[in-house]
C-alpha atoms as a PDB file:
ATOM      1  CA  MET A   1      -9.580  30.039   2.204  1.00  0.00           C
ATOM      2  CA  ARG A   2      -8.647  27.084   4.442  1.00  0.00           C
ATOM      3  CA  ILE A   3      -5.051  27.155   5.616  1.00  0.00           C
ATOM      4  CA  ASP A   4      -3.347  24.570   7.810  1.00  0.00           C
ATOM      5  CA  ARG A   5      -0.733  25.547  10.375  1.00  0.00           C
ATOM      6  CA  ARG A   6       2.184  25.154   8.029  1.00  0.00           C
ATOM      7  CA  ARG A   7       0.772  27.270   5.207  1.00  0.00           C
ATOM      8  CA  TRP A   8      -0.540  29.815   7.707  1.00  0.00           C
ATOM      9  CA  VAL A   9       2.916  30.417   9.165  1.00  0.00           C
ATOM     10  CA  LEU A  10       4.725  30.371   5.860  1.00  0.00           C
ATOM     11  CA  ALA A  11       2.305  32.689   4.105  1.00  0.00           C
ATOM     12  CA  ALA A  12       1.970  35.098   7.009  1.00  0.00           C
ATOM     13  CA  ALA A  13       5.535  35.126   8.254  1.00  0.00           C
ATOM     14  CA  SER A  14       7.745  34.319   5.251  1.00  0.00           C
ATOM     15  CA  ILE A  15      10.716  34.152   7.627  1.00  0.00           C
ATOM     16  CA  PRO A  16      13.377  31.443   8.164  1.00  0.00           C
ATOM     17  CA  LEU A  17      12.316  30.734  11.736  1.00  0.00           C
ATOM     18  CA  ALA A  18      13.456  27.370  13.043  1.00  0.00           C
ATOM     19  CA  GLY A  19      10.586  27.372  15.521  1.00  0.00           C
ATOM     20  CA  ALA A  20       7.876  28.256  12.987  1.00  0.00           C
ATOM     21  CA  GLY A  21       5.145  25.694  12.514  1.00  0.00           C
ATOM     22  CA  ARG A  22       3.537  23.517   9.944  1.00  0.00           C
ATOM     23  CA  ALA A  23       0.347  21.512  10.104  1.00  0.00           C
ATOM     24  CA  HIS A  24      -1.653  20.225  13.011  1.00  0.00           C
ATOM     25  CA  ALA A  25      -4.334  18.884  10.717  1.00  0.00           C
ATOM     26  CA  GLN A  26      -6.923  19.287  13.427  1.00  0.00           C
ATOM     27  CA  ALA A  27      -5.985  22.969  13.822  1.00  0.00           C
ATOM     28  CA  ALA A  28      -6.720  24.161  10.291  1.00  0.00           C
ATOM     29  CA  ALA A  29      -7.981  27.749  10.340  1.00  0.00           C
ATOM     30  CA  VAL A  30      -9.912  30.026   8.019  1.00  0.00           C
ATOM     31  CA  VAL A  31      -7.596  33.034   7.879  1.00  0.00           C
ATOM     32  CA  PRO A  32      -7.234  35.597   5.085  1.00  0.00           C
ATOM     33  CA  PRO A  33      -3.563  35.803   4.047  1.00  0.00           C
ATOM     34  CA  ALA A  34      -2.882  39.410   5.026  1.00  0.00           C
ATOM     35  CA  LEU A  35      -4.623  40.109   8.304  1.00  0.00           C
ATOM     36  CA  PRO A  36      -2.751  42.609  10.527  1.00  0.00           C
ATOM     37  CA  VAL A  37      -2.570  40.051  13.345  1.00  0.00           C
ATOM     38  CA  GLU A  38      -0.604  37.718  11.076  1.00  0.00           C
ATOM     39  CA  ARG A  39       1.845  40.375   9.968  1.00  0.00           C
ATOM     40  CA  LEU A  40       2.394  41.654  13.493  1.00  0.00           C
ATOM     41  CA  ALA A  41       2.926  38.193  14.940  1.00  0.00           C
ATOM     42  CA  ALA A  42       5.330  37.314  12.135  1.00  0.00           C
ATOM     43  CA  GLU A  43       7.332  40.485  12.721  1.00  0.00           C
ATOM     44  CA  ARG A  44       7.580  39.825  16.438  1.00  0.00           C
ATOM     45  CA  LEU A  45       8.543  36.184  15.961  1.00  0.00           C
ATOM     46  CA  GLY A  46      11.062  37.251  13.338  1.00  0.00           C
ATOM     47  CA  GLU A  47      12.676  39.571  15.836  1.00  0.00           C
ATOM     48  CA  SER A  48      13.092  36.676  18.286  1.00  0.00           C
ATOM     49  CA  ALA A  49      13.962  33.955  15.763  1.00  0.00           C
ATOM     50  CA  ASP A  50      17.598  33.818  16.822  1.00  0.00           C
ATOM     51  CA  ALA A  51      16.787  33.895  20.532  1.00  0.00           C
ATOM     52  CA  GLN A  52      17.247  30.830  22.677  1.00  0.00           C
ATOM     53  CA  PRO A  53      14.064  29.126  23.874  1.00  0.00           C
ATOM     54  CA  LEU A  54      12.807  30.068  27.295  1.00  0.00           C
ATOM     55  CA  ARG A  55      14.278  27.808  29.952  1.00  0.00           C
ATOM     56  CA  LYS A  56      13.155  27.310  33.517  1.00  0.00           C
ATOM     57  CA  ALA A  57      15.018  25.930  36.502  1.00  0.00           C
ATOM     58  CA  VAL A  58      14.351  22.593  38.158  1.00  0.00           C
ATOM     59  CA  PRO A  59      13.937  23.771  41.767  1.00  0.00           C
ATOM     60  CA  SER A  60      15.833  20.862  43.335  1.00  0.00           C
ATOM     61  CA  SER A  61      18.966  21.407  41.251  1.00  0.00           C
ATOM     62  CA  GLY A  62      18.829  24.697  39.344  1.00  0.00           C
ATOM     63  CA  GLU A  63      19.241  22.852  36.031  1.00  0.00           C
ATOM     64  CA  LEU A  64      17.622  24.827  33.217  1.00  0.00           C
ATOM     65  CA  LEU A  65      15.270  23.051  30.817  1.00  0.00           C
ATOM     66  CA  PRO A  66      13.511  24.377  27.691  1.00  0.00           C
ATOM     67  CA  VAL A  67       9.843  24.861  28.473  1.00  0.00           C
ATOM     68  CA  VAL A  68       8.503  22.902  25.491  1.00  0.00           C
ATOM     69  CA  GLY A  69       9.310  19.204  25.340  1.00  0.00           C
ATOM     70  CA  LEU A  70       8.099  16.209  23.345  1.00  0.00           C
ATOM     71  CA  GLY A  71       5.743  13.419  24.359  1.00  0.00           C
ATOM     72  CA  THR A  72       5.734   9.940  22.814  1.00  0.00           C
ATOM     73  CA  ALA A  73       2.493   8.383  24.037  1.00  0.00           C
ATOM     74  CA  ARG A  74       1.190   7.777  20.505  1.00  0.00           C
ATOM     75  CA  ARG A  75       2.606   6.808  17.111  1.00  0.00           C
ATOM     76  CA  TYR A  76       6.077   5.813  18.334  1.00  0.00           C
ATOM     77  CA  ASP A  77       5.620   2.232  17.192  1.00  0.00           C
ATOM     78  CA  GLU A  78       8.655   1.822  14.957  1.00  0.00           C
ATOM     79  CA  PRO A  79      11.759   3.921  14.150  1.00  0.00           C
ATOM     80  CA  SER A  80      10.522   5.553  10.954  1.00  0.00           C
ATOM     81  CA  PRO A  81      12.235   8.326   8.963  1.00  0.00           C
ATOM     82  CA  VAL A  82       9.433  10.687  10.040  1.00  0.00           C
ATOM     83  CA  LEU A  83      10.131  10.085  13.717  1.00  0.00           C
ATOM     84  CA  ARG A  84      13.865  10.395  13.106  1.00  0.00           C
ATOM     85  CA  GLU A  85      13.299  13.791  11.524  1.00  0.00           C
ATOM     86  CA  THR A  86      10.895  14.785  14.281  1.00  0.00           C
ATOM     87  CA  LEU A  87      13.460  14.196  17.014  1.00  0.00           C
ATOM     88  CA  GLY A  88      16.179  15.852  14.948  1.00  0.00           C
ATOM     89  CA  ARG A  89      14.109  18.968  14.277  1.00  0.00           C
ATOM     90  CA  PHE A  90      13.039  19.102  17.915  1.00  0.00           C
ATOM     91  CA  ALA A  91      16.648  19.075  19.122  1.00  0.00           C
ATOM     92  CA  ALA A  92      17.779  21.527  16.441  1.00  0.00           C
ATOM     93  CA  ALA A  93      15.063  23.949  17.566  1.00  0.00           C
ATOM     94  CA  GLY A  94      16.474  23.883  21.096  1.00  0.00           C
ATOM     95  CA  GLY A  95      14.197  21.231  22.561  1.00  0.00           C
ATOM     96  CA  SER A  96      15.477  18.864  25.216  1.00  0.00           C
ATOM     97  CA  VAL A  97      12.859  17.015  27.297  1.00  0.00           C
ATOM     98  CA  VAL A  98      11.620  13.763  25.720  1.00  0.00           C
ATOM     99  CA  ASP A  99       9.009  11.942  27.779  1.00  0.00           C
ATOM    100  CA  THR A 100       8.084   8.289  27.365  1.00  0.00           C
ATOM    101  CA  ALA A 101       6.904   5.279  29.384  1.00  0.00           C
ATOM    102  CA  PRO A 102       6.895   1.465  29.321  1.00  0.00           C
ATOM    103  CA  SER A 103       3.130   1.581  28.765  1.00  0.00           C
ATOM    104  CA  TYR A 104       3.493   3.581  25.538  1.00  0.00           C
ATOM    105  CA  GLY A 105       3.853   0.482  23.403  1.00  0.00           C
ATOM    106  CA  ASN A 106       7.276   0.362  21.750  1.00  0.00           C
ATOM    107  CA  ALA A 107       8.033   4.037  22.384  1.00  0.00           C
ATOM    108  CA  GLU A 108      10.950   3.566  24.770  1.00  0.00           C
ATOM    109  CA  ALA A 109      12.763   1.279  22.345  1.00  0.00           C
ATOM    110  CA  VAL A 110      12.061   3.575  19.390  1.00  0.00           C
ATOM    111  CA  VAL A 111      13.315   6.635  21.266  1.00  0.00           C
ATOM    112  CA  GLY A 112      16.410   4.771  22.401  1.00  0.00           C
ATOM    113  CA  GLU A 113      17.266   3.596  18.897  1.00  0.00           C
ATOM    114  CA  LEU A 114      16.656   6.931  17.188  1.00  0.00           C
ATOM    115  CA  VAL A 115      18.461   8.998  19.801  1.00  0.00           C
ATOM    116  CA  GLU A 116      21.497   6.704  19.713  1.00  0.00           C
ATOM    117  CA  ALA A 117      21.602   6.606  15.906  1.00  0.00           C
ATOM    118  CA  ALA A 118      21.424  10.402  15.654  1.00  0.00           C
ATOM    119  CA  GLY A 119      23.949  11.009  18.411  1.00  0.00           C
ATOM    120  CA  LEU A 120      21.463  13.199  20.291  1.00  0.00           C
ATOM    121  CA  ARG A 121      21.752  11.798  23.805  1.00  0.00           C
ATOM    122  CA  GLU A 122      23.921  14.592  25.215  1.00  0.00           C
ATOM    123  CA  ARG A 123      21.407  17.181  23.978  1.00  0.00           C
ATOM    124  CA  LEU A 124      18.309  15.565  25.430  1.00  0.00           C
ATOM    125  CA  PHE A 125      16.701  15.155  28.833  1.00  0.00           C
ATOM    126  CA  VAL A 126      15.165  11.661  28.769  1.00  0.00           C
ATOM    127  CA  ALA A 127      12.239  10.966  31.092  1.00  0.00           C
ATOM    128  CA  THR A 128      10.317   7.749  31.563  1.00  0.00           C
ATOM    129  CA  LYS A 129       8.116   6.101  34.170  1.00  0.00           C
ATOM    130  CA  VAL A 130       7.570   2.986  36.229  1.00  0.00           C
ATOM    131  CA  GLY A 131       4.057   1.555  36.439  1.00  0.00           C
ATOM    132  CA  ALA A 132       4.179  -1.809  38.167  1.00  0.00           C
ATOM    133  CA  GLU A 133       2.920  -3.510  41.330  1.00  0.00           C
ATOM    134  CA  GLY A 134       5.526  -4.794  43.762  1.00  0.00           C
ATOM    135  CA  ARG A 135       9.212  -4.218  44.281  1.00  0.00           C
ATOM    136  CA  GLN A 136      10.499  -6.918  41.931  1.00  0.00           C
ATOM    137  CA  ALA A 137       8.072  -6.114  39.120  1.00  0.00           C
ATOM    138  CA  GLY A 138       9.061  -2.468  39.387  1.00  0.00           C
ATOM    139  CA  ARG A 139      12.793  -3.228  39.278  1.00  0.00           C
ATOM    140  CA  THR A 140      12.297  -5.548  36.296  1.00  0.00           C
ATOM    141  CA  GLN A 141      10.396  -2.869  34.403  1.00  0.00           C
ATOM    142  CA  ILE A 142      12.989  -0.204  35.221  1.00  0.00           C
ATOM    143  CA  GLU A 143      15.871  -2.406  34.050  1.00  0.00           C
ATOM    144  CA  GLN A 144      13.967  -2.971  30.822  1.00  0.00           C
ATOM    145  CA  SER A 145      13.699   0.810  30.409  1.00  0.00           C
ATOM    146  CA  PHE A 146      17.465   1.180  30.746  1.00  0.00           C
ATOM    147  CA  ARG A 147      17.944  -1.413  27.992  1.00  0.00           C
ATOM    148  CA  ARG A 148      15.313   0.044  25.696  1.00  0.00           C
ATOM    149  CA  LEU A 149      16.440   3.633  26.099  1.00  0.00           C
ATOM    150  CA  ARG A 150      20.104   2.593  25.726  1.00  0.00           C
ATOM    151  CA  THR A 151      21.294   5.038  28.342  1.00  0.00           C
ATOM    152  CA  THR A 152      22.574   5.302  31.871  1.00  0.00           C
ATOM    153  CA  PRO A 153      21.763   7.477  33.640  1.00  0.00           C
ATOM    154  CA  ILE A 154      18.151   8.148  32.753  1.00  0.00           C
ATOM    155  CA  ASP A 155      17.413  11.746  33.622  1.00  0.00           C
ATOM    156  CA  LEU A 156      14.022  11.199  35.264  1.00  0.00           C
ATOM    157  CA  ILE A 157      11.916   8.224  36.232  1.00  0.00           C
ATOM    158  CA  ALA A 158       8.507   8.962  37.755  1.00  0.00           C
ATOM    159  CA  VAL A 159       5.907   6.661  39.283  1.00  0.00           C
ATOM    160  CA  HIS A 160       3.212   6.417  36.611  1.00  0.00           C
ATOM    161  CA  ASN A 161      -0.294   7.307  37.788  1.00  0.00           C
ATOM    162  CA  LEU A 162       0.748   6.651  41.415  1.00  0.00           C
ATOM    163  CA  ARG A 163       0.832   2.904  40.851  1.00  0.00           C
ATOM    164  CA  ASP A 164       2.240   1.283  44.021  1.00  0.00           C
ATOM    165  CA  VAL A 165       3.768   4.677  44.687  1.00  0.00           C
ATOM    166  CA  ASP A 166       5.342   4.042  48.087  1.00  0.00           C
ATOM    167  CA  THR A 167       7.144   0.896  46.931  1.00  0.00           C
ATOM    168  CA  GLN A 168       8.331   2.355  43.636  1.00  0.00           C
ATOM    169  CA  LEU A 169       9.573   5.611  45.173  1.00  0.00           C
ATOM    170  CA  LYS A 170      11.850   3.612  47.470  1.00  0.00           C
ATOM    171  CA  THR A 171      13.338   1.857  44.453  1.00  0.00           C
ATOM    172  CA  LEU A 172      13.756   5.123  42.545  1.00  0.00           C
ATOM    173  CA  ARG A 173      15.484   6.807  45.467  1.00  0.00           C
ATOM    174  CA  ALA A 174      17.978   3.952  45.657  1.00  0.00           C
ATOM    175  CA  LEU A 175      18.664   4.288  41.931  1.00  0.00           C
ATOM    176  CA  LYS A 176      19.169   8.025  42.353  1.00  0.00           C
ATOM    177  CA  ASP A 177      21.592   7.453  45.213  1.00  0.00           C
ATOM    178  CA  ASP A 178      23.504   5.039  42.959  1.00  0.00           C
ATOM    179  CA  GLY A 179      23.686   7.623  40.153  1.00  0.00           C
ATOM    180  CA  ARG A 180      21.617   5.582  37.709  1.00  0.00           C
ATOM    181  CA  ILE A 181      18.844   8.169  37.541  1.00  0.00           C
ATOM    182  CA  ARG A 182      19.075  11.902  38.178  1.00  0.00           C
ATOM    183  CA  TYR A 183      15.567  12.846  39.269  1.00  0.00           C
ATOM    184  CA  VAL A 184      12.531  11.218  40.903  1.00  0.00           C
ATOM    185  CA  GLY A 185       8.872  12.094  40.435  1.00  0.00           C
ATOM    186  CA  ILE A 186       5.223  11.068  40.218  1.00  0.00           C
ATOM    187  CA  THR A 187       2.615  11.443  37.480  1.00  0.00           C
ATOM    188  CA  THR A 188      -1.112  11.476  36.918  1.00  0.00           C
ATOM    189  CA  SER A 189      -3.502  12.428  34.148  1.00  0.00           C
ATOM    190  CA  PHE A 190      -6.706  11.735  36.104  1.00  0.00           C
ATOM    191  CA  ASP A 191      -8.425  14.217  38.376  1.00  0.00           C
ATOM    192  CA  SER A 192      -9.800  11.306  40.398  1.00  0.00           C
ATOM    193  CA  GLN A 193      -6.235  10.829  41.659  1.00  0.00           C
ATOM    194  CA  TYR A 194      -5.636  14.449  42.625  1.00  0.00           C
ATOM    195  CA  ALA A 195      -6.318  13.985  46.357  1.00  0.00           C
ATOM    196  CA  ASP A 196      -3.850  11.089  46.592  1.00  0.00           C
ATOM    197  CA  PHE A 197      -1.432  13.000  44.386  1.00  0.00           C
ATOM    198  CA  GLU A 198      -1.471  15.931  46.806  1.00  0.00           C
ATOM    199  CA  ARG A 199      -0.929  13.570  49.713  1.00  0.00           C
ATOM    200  CA  VAL A 200       2.234  12.203  48.141  1.00  0.00           C
ATOM    201  CA  MET A 201       3.422  15.687  47.231  1.00  0.00           C
ATOM    202  CA  ARG A 202       3.071  16.751  50.876  1.00  0.00           C
ATOM    203  CA  SER A 203       4.715  13.673  52.364  1.00  0.00           C
ATOM    204  CA  GLU A 204       7.579  13.068  49.912  1.00  0.00           C
ATOM    205  CA  ARG A 205      10.494  15.082  48.587  1.00  0.00           C
ATOM    206  CA  LEU A 206      10.119  14.955  44.812  1.00  0.00           C
ATOM    207  CA  ASP A 207      12.100  16.552  42.017  1.00  0.00           C
ATOM    208  CA  PHE A 208       9.225  16.485  39.500  1.00  0.00           C
ATOM    209  CA  ILE A 209       5.501  16.078  39.325  1.00  0.00           C
ATOM    210  CA  GLN A 210       3.672  15.486  36.053  1.00  0.00           C
ATOM    211  CA  VAL A 211      -0.006  16.344  35.711  1.00  0.00           C
ATOM    212  CA  ASP A 212      -2.649  17.083  33.076  1.00  0.00           C
ATOM    213  CA  TYR A 213      -3.317  20.799  32.557  1.00  0.00           C
ATOM    214  CA  ALA A 214      -4.695  22.705  29.592  1.00  0.00           C
ATOM    215  CA  LEU A 215      -6.441  25.948  28.776  1.00  0.00           C
ATOM    216  CA  ASP A 216      -9.769  24.117  28.953  1.00  0.00           C
ATOM    217  CA  ASN A 217      -8.707  21.839  31.839  1.00  0.00           C
ATOM    218  CA  ARG A 218      -7.432  24.089  34.608  1.00  0.00           C
ATOM    219  CA  THR A 219      -8.267  22.047  37.708  1.00  0.00           C
ATOM    220  CA  ALA A 220      -4.622  21.234  38.434  1.00  0.00           C
ATOM    221  CA  GLY A 221      -3.979  24.958  38.605  1.00  0.00           C
ATOM    222  CA  GLU A 222      -6.183  25.282  41.676  1.00  0.00           C
ATOM    223  CA  ARG A 223      -4.165  23.193  44.135  1.00  0.00           C
ATOM    224  CA  ILE A 224      -1.572  20.915  42.548  1.00  0.00           C
ATOM    225  CA  LEU A 225       0.485  23.497  40.670  1.00  0.00           C
ATOM    226  CA  PRO A 226       0.528  25.973  43.592  1.00  0.00           C
ATOM    227  CA  LEU A 227       1.587  23.107  45.870  1.00  0.00           C
ATOM    228  CA  ALA A 228       4.386  22.167  43.471  1.00  0.00           C
ATOM    229  CA  HIS A 229       5.601  25.758  43.548  1.00  0.00           C
ATOM    230  CA  GLU A 230       5.398  25.834  47.346  1.00  0.00           C
ATOM    231  CA  ARG A 231       7.233  22.521  47.742  1.00  0.00           C
ATOM    232  CA  GLY A 232       9.949  23.259  45.178  1.00  0.00           C
ATOM    233  CA  MET A 233       8.901  20.588  42.680  1.00  0.00           C
ATOM    234  CA  ALA A 234       9.215  21.047  38.930  1.00  0.00           C
ATOM    235  CA  ALA A 235       5.846  20.676  37.227  1.00  0.00           C
ATOM    236  CA  MET A 236       5.793  18.882  33.891  1.00  0.00           C
ATOM    237  CA  ILE A 237       2.504  19.105  31.991  1.00  0.00           C
ATOM    238  CA  ASN A 238       0.928  16.298  30.004  1.00  0.00           C
ATOM    239  CA  LEU A 239      -2.101  16.652  27.707  1.00  0.00           C
ATOM    240  CA  PRO A 240      -1.534  20.400  27.144  1.00  0.00           C
ATOM    241  CA  PHE A 241      -3.978  20.366  24.223  1.00  0.00           C
ATOM    242  CA  GLY A 242      -6.730  18.765  26.308  1.00  0.00           C
ATOM    243  CA  ARG A 243      -6.728  15.421  24.462  1.00  0.00           C
ATOM    244  CA  GLY A 244      -7.368  17.346  21.240  1.00  0.00           C
ATOM    245  CA  ARG A 245     -10.435  19.175  22.572  1.00  0.00           C
ATOM    246  CA  LEU A 246      -8.837  22.598  22.128  1.00  0.00           C
ATOM    247  CA  PHE A 247      -8.072  22.055  18.452  1.00  0.00           C
ATOM    248  CA  ARG A 248     -11.583  20.825  17.828  1.00  0.00           C
ATOM    249  CA  ALA A 249     -13.018  23.870  19.590  1.00  0.00           C
ATOM    250  CA  VAL A 250     -11.122  26.316  17.349  1.00  0.00           C
ATOM    251  CA  GLN A 251     -11.490  24.402  14.093  1.00  0.00           C
ATOM    252  CA  GLY A 252     -12.147  26.898  11.329  1.00  0.00           C
ATOM    253  CA  LYS A 253     -11.541  29.918  13.570  1.00  0.00           C
ATOM    254  CA  ALA A 254      -8.940  32.649  13.109  1.00  0.00           C
ATOM    255  CA  LEU A 255      -6.529  33.502  15.887  1.00  0.00           C
ATOM    256  CA  PRO A 256      -7.715  36.511  17.886  1.00  0.00           C
ATOM    257  CA  GLU A 257      -5.855  39.736  17.141  1.00  0.00           C
ATOM    258  CA  TRP A 258      -4.370  39.839  20.630  1.00  0.00           C
ATOM    259  CA  ALA A 259      -2.482  36.592  19.914  1.00  0.00           C
ATOM    260  CA  ALA A 260       0.094  38.770  18.136  1.00  0.00           C
ATOM    261  CA  ASP A 261       0.879  40.473  21.445  1.00  0.00           C
ATOM    262  CA  ILE A 262       2.531  37.263  22.615  1.00  0.00           C
ATOM    263  CA  GLY A 263       3.941  36.308  19.204  1.00  0.00           C
ATOM    264  CA  CYS A 264       1.591  33.428  18.453  1.00  0.00           C
ATOM    265  CA  THR A 265       1.246  32.346  14.828  1.00  0.00           C
ATOM    266  CA  SER A 266      -0.683  29.129  15.502  1.00  0.00           C
ATOM    267  CA  TRP A 267      -3.254  27.799  17.905  1.00  0.00           C
ATOM    268  CA  ALA A 268      -0.760  25.299  19.329  1.00  0.00           C
ATOM    269  CA  GLN A 269       1.581  28.123  20.277  1.00  0.00           C
ATOM    270  CA  LEU A 270      -1.239  29.991  22.008  1.00  0.00           C
ATOM    271  CA  PHE A 271      -2.275  26.901  23.964  1.00  0.00           C
ATOM    272  CA  LEU A 272       1.307  26.101  24.959  1.00  0.00           C
ATOM    273  CA  LYS A 273       2.210  29.644  25.972  1.00  0.00           C
ATOM    274  CA  TYR A 274      -0.681  29.623  28.405  1.00  0.00           C
ATOM    275  CA  ILE A 275       0.754  26.468  30.003  1.00  0.00           C
ATOM    276  CA  VAL A 276       4.430  27.375  30.203  1.00  0.00           C
ATOM    277  CA  SER A 277       3.756  30.877  31.526  1.00  0.00           C
ATOM    278  CA  HIS A 278       2.465  29.389  34.795  1.00  0.00           C
ATOM    279  CA  GLU A 279       5.055  30.011  37.493  1.00  0.00           C
ATOM    280  CA  ALA A 280       5.161  26.385  38.633  1.00  0.00           C
ATOM    281  CA  VAL A 281       5.475  24.838  35.168  1.00  0.00           C
ATOM    282  CA  VAL A 282       8.965  23.944  34.024  1.00  0.00           C
ATOM    283  CA  CYS A 283       8.013  22.049  30.869  1.00  0.00           C
ATOM    284  CA  ALA A 284       5.018  21.012  28.763  1.00  0.00           C
ATOM    285  CA  ILE A 285       5.255  17.755  26.820  1.00  0.00           C
ATOM    286  CA  PRO A 286       2.790  17.777  23.906  1.00  0.00           C
ATOM    287  CA  GLY A 287       2.595  14.510  22.027  1.00  0.00           C
ATOM    288  CA  THR A 288       4.682  15.089  18.908  1.00  0.00           C
ATOM    289  CA  ALA A 289       5.263  12.649  16.064  1.00  0.00           C
ATOM    290  CA  LYS A 290       5.700  14.922  13.031  1.00  0.00           C
ATOM    291  CA  PRO A 291       8.571  17.300  12.214  1.00  0.00           C
ATOM    292  CA  GLU A 292       6.237  20.187  11.417  1.00  0.00           C
ATOM    293  CA  HIS A 293       4.549  19.854  14.796  1.00  0.00           C
ATOM    294  CA  ALA A 294       7.900  19.785  16.564  1.00  0.00           C
ATOM    295  CA  LEU A 295       8.879  23.083  14.952  1.00  0.00           C
ATOM    296  CA  ASP A 296       5.522  24.722  15.542  1.00  0.00           C
ATOM    297  CA  ASN A 297       5.434  23.689  19.187  1.00  0.00           C
ATOM    298  CA  ALA A 298       9.035  24.805  19.723  1.00  0.00           C
ATOM    299  CA  ALA A 299       8.100  28.332  18.647  1.00  0.00           C
ATOM    300  CA  ALA A 300       5.955  28.600  21.773  1.00  0.00           C
ATOM    301  CA  ALA A 301       9.159  28.718  23.842  1.00  0.00           C
ATOM    302  CA  ARG A 302      10.231  31.952  22.157  1.00  0.00           C
ATOM    303  CA  GLY A 303       9.073  35.529  22.279  1.00  0.00           C
ATOM    304  CA  ALA A 304       6.753  37.217  24.743  1.00  0.00           C
ATOM    305  CA  MET A 305       4.837  35.213  27.329  1.00  0.00           C
ATOM    306  CA  PRO A 306       1.350  36.102  28.599  1.00  0.00           C
ATOM    307  CA  ASP A 307       1.180  37.942  31.899  1.00  0.00           C
ATOM    308  CA  ALA A 308      -1.562  37.365  34.490  1.00  0.00           C
ATOM    309  CA  ALA A 309      -4.055  39.630  32.724  1.00  0.00           C
ATOM    310  CA  GLU A 310      -3.382  38.023  29.342  1.00  0.00           C
ATOM    311  CA  ARG A 311      -3.772  34.558  30.851  1.00  0.00           C
ATOM    312  CA  ARG A 312      -7.199  35.541  32.187  1.00  0.00           C
ATOM    313  CA  ARG A 313      -8.138  36.826  28.731  1.00  0.00           C
ATOM    314  CA  MET A 314      -7.090  33.500  27.220  1.00  0.00           C
ATOM    315  CA  GLU A 315      -9.260  31.667  29.748  1.00  0.00           C
ATOM    316  CA  ARG A 316     -12.287  33.824  28.984  1.00  0.00           C
ATOM    317  CA  PHE A 317     -11.777  33.304  25.265  1.00  0.00           C
ATOM    318  CA  VAL A 318     -11.691  29.514  25.532  1.00  0.00           C
ATOM    319  CA  ASP A 319     -14.537  29.370  28.053  1.00  0.00           C
ATOM    320  CA  ALA A 320     -16.726  31.264  25.563  1.00  0.00           C
ATOM    321  CA  LEU A 321     -16.118  28.875  22.669  1.00  0.00           C
END
């Protein structure tokens, strides 16, 4: 019997868990409806349903953020009812970090409109980026972000993919000093930039770094994440599902029985718990444009987290697929 994430959780758990999931279409799994792993995971998630999501501290300030956020790189083209519900469900499930960028089409404007209309601004941590060449172009883009997001201050602005990083960091520091933004950072999603990324991490004082990291893409865990931990920088993780590779790799497969040990009732939760259990990671930001995905992802911030031995088991499992 083929069951998508929503029906899997509902049939196996049958509990009113705000963080329980529905469908990632690409994560459909062949799972009999009464396997012990399903029942055990449902029981453990049920026990933690009323618990607050795991939060981690931003090293530079001590501010606590929920470990599962929401990315807007795709499908945030217009303020639809689906996106309105997605943001609402995300916030209701205890989510806070919403990540966007000027290069994500109309996403900044859509987020700004929906957040304002729903009165969610005080509950959210809004992050965006600057990706421009030159001081004036950077300032123009940043001012546009303030208008589109309809908020001052913006919680975090990071230099996108290191573009003109030295120039843009100077501008961001001035904005932080003026109280218009709260945190400064840098981002990349390309391993070809890792050497330059490390250089900036070593030479600059940054509140956040954002990097690609996934259960099947662990290169950032070798040097960048340990360096972030050493330097007191909060690591935010993009592409936590490996650009969809992880879902494709497990298509049609049942969760392993040991997934119940960490309360996972979906593949997305397993993938995200691996990410957010890393000591340097403060938040993962999976792209999320459907309410059911927001709820499913949010469940990964609750319940048990994998320890070092369980993380190694997860790595071996994925490497063998």
